[in-house]
Each structure stands twice: as structure tokens, then as C-alpha cells.
Protein backbone atom coordinates (compact mmCIF):
# COMPACT_ATOMS: atom_id res chain seq x y z
CA UNK A 1 10.75 3.89 -18.94
CA UNK A 2 13.13 1.55 -17.35
CA UNK A 3 15.39 4.12 -15.02
CA UNK A 4 19.21 3.61 -14.47
CA UNK A 5 18.58 1.18 -11.14
CA UNK A 6 15.10 -0.81 -12.87
CA UNK A 7 17.59 -1.47 -15.81
CA UNK A 8 20.74 -3.32 -14.08
CA UNK A 9 17.98 -5.34 -11.71
CA UNK A 10 17.04 -6.22 -15.90
CA UNK A 11 19.30 -7.08 -16.79
CA UNK A 12 21.02 -8.92 -13.77
CA UNK A 13 17.77 -10.68 -13.68
CA UNK A 14 18.52 -12.31 -17.42
CA UNK A 15 21.87 -13.82 -16.76
CA UNK A 16 19.99 -15.57 -14.61
CA UNK A 17 20.84 -19.32 -13.18
CA UNK A 18 19.27 -20.82 -9.70
CA UNK A 19 16.73 -20.07 -9.06
CA UNK A 20 14.12 -20.96 -5.34
CA UNK A 21 11.20 -21.69 -5.03
CA UNK A 22 8.02 -22.87 -3.37
CA UNK A 23 5.08 -24.81 -3.47
CA UNK A 24 2.22 -26.48 -3.01
CA UNK A 25 0.49 -29.85 -4.48
CA UNK A 26 -2.90 -30.55 -3.23
CA UNK A 27 -2.67 -34.36 -1.52
CA UNK A 28 -3.35 -36.54 -5.26
CA UNK A 29 -1.29 -39.88 -5.55
CA UNK A 30 1.67 -38.28 -7.82
CA UNK A 31 1.97 -34.46 -7.49
CA UNK A 32 5.14 -34.18 -6.83
CA UNK A 33 5.93 -36.67 -9.50
CA UNK A 34 4.14 -34.04 -12.63
CA UNK A 35 5.88 -31.12 -11.08
CA UNK A 36 9.58 -33.06 -10.73
CA UNK A 37 8.53 -34.55 -13.89
CA UNK A 38 8.24 -31.14 -16.01
CA UNK A 39 11.79 -29.47 -14.76
CA UNK A 40 13.41 -32.59 -16.22
CA UNK A 41 11.39 -32.36 -19.11
CA UNK A 42 12.15 -28.29 -19.37
CA UNK A 43 16.50 -29.04 -18.48
CA UNK A 44 15.67 -27.73 -15.06
CA UNK A 45 18.42 -29.07 -12.45
CA UNK A 46 16.88 -30.27 -8.65
CA UNK A 47 19.55 -28.91 -6.14
CA UNK A 48 17.66 -28.92 -3.22
CA UNK A 49 14.11 -30.60 -2.26
CA UNK A 50 13.44 -29.96 0.96
CA UNK A 51 9.17 -30.35 2.36
CA UNK A 52 7.96 -28.82 5.38
CA UNK A 53 3.98 -29.58 6.02
CA UNK A 54 1.70 -27.38 6.53
CA UNK A 55 0.24 -26.95 10.36
CA UNK A 56 -3.75 -27.11 10.32
CA UNK A 57 -3.51 -29.30 7.33
CA UNK A 58 -3.58 -32.90 7.23
CA UNK A 59 -1.38 -34.49 4.45
CA UNK A 60 -0.15 -30.30 2.99
CA UNK A 61 3.16 -29.97 2.53
CA UNK A 62 5.56 -26.96 1.28
CA UNK A 63 7.68 -28.05 -1.18
CA UNK A 64 11.40 -25.52 -1.68
CA UNK A 65 13.28 -26.05 -3.62
CA UNK A 66 16.28 -25.31 -5.76
CA UNK A 67 17.17 -25.51 -10.14
CA UNK A 68 18.80 -24.18 -11.65
CA UNK A 69 19.04 -24.07 -15.40
CA UNK A 70 20.91 -22.61 -18.66
CA UNK A 71 18.39 -20.60 -20.50
CA UNK A 72 16.18 -18.27 -19.23
CA UNK A 73 13.75 -19.03 -21.66
CA UNK A 74 12.89 -23.66 -20.80
CA UNK A 75 12.54 -21.76 -17.08
CA UNK A 76 10.15 -19.42 -17.33
CA UNK A 77 8.43 -22.06 -19.54
CA UNK A 78 9.06 -24.79 -16.86
CA UNK A 79 7.18 -22.66 -14.57
CA UNK A 80 4.77 -21.61 -16.33
CA UNK A 81 3.76 -25.36 -17.11
CA UNK A 82 3.92 -26.33 -12.99
CA UNK A 83 1.35 -23.10 -12.19
CA UNK A 84 -1.76 -25.08 -13.30
CA UNK A 85 -0.18 -28.02 -11.00
CA UNK A 86 0.74 -26.38 -7.58
CA UNK A 87 -2.19 -24.49 -5.20
CA UNK A 88 0.20 -22.25 -5.33
CA UNK A 89 3.48 -21.36 -6.09
CA UNK A 90 6.01 -18.11 -5.46
CA UNK A 91 9.27 -16.86 -6.80
CA UNK A 92 12.18 -16.57 -3.40
CA UNK A 93 14.49 -15.70 -5.83
CA UNK A 94 16.27 -15.74 -9.02
CA UNK A 95 19.87 -15.22 -8.68
CA UNK A 96 23.39 -15.67 -11.11
CA UNK A 97 25.83 -18.59 -9.16
CA UNK A 98 28.87 -18.12 -8.40
């Protein structure tokens, strides 16, 4: 049973069309390209990407990305598809764009 507040929250997620993610990848040739190819396949638009080195881990980076999408199901399928390619992935937030 959903409380009214939780139901409102779930409805707002279903209307989301923008997300912020952070992930790290193994230090392997083409690892970022594979992730970006999957996002493209699922019609996910990359609007921002920023890489920051992981302190104390040579050649390891965290990638902060913002994406937009028109189909929530395709977005979720894309996330499921990239998880096995990442060392770590967190969804920082899912929003409805203004």
C-alpha cells in the first residue's frame, strides 16, 4: 500500500525525462565508448559529461553525466544494460525538465 506522499513521488518519477548519473569504469580500451553506444541505442541523449579522477586510484575516473529521454522504459532498459559494464553506478536523481 502506498501512502499518498509515496504515490505522488512515484507519479512524478513516471513523468521524469531527465536524469543525473555517476559511474566508474574499468581501465580498459573502449569502456566509455561501450556505455555511450548503449545510451545512443536506447535513444538516451547525453547533455553533459564530466570526468573526475578517483584520488588514490591511478587511471580511474568517475563520470558524471546528465541525460534526457522521452521514454522512461527505454531509459530503464539502458541503465540495466550499462550496469554490467560499470564498476559502480549511482542514479543521483531523476527529474522532469522545465
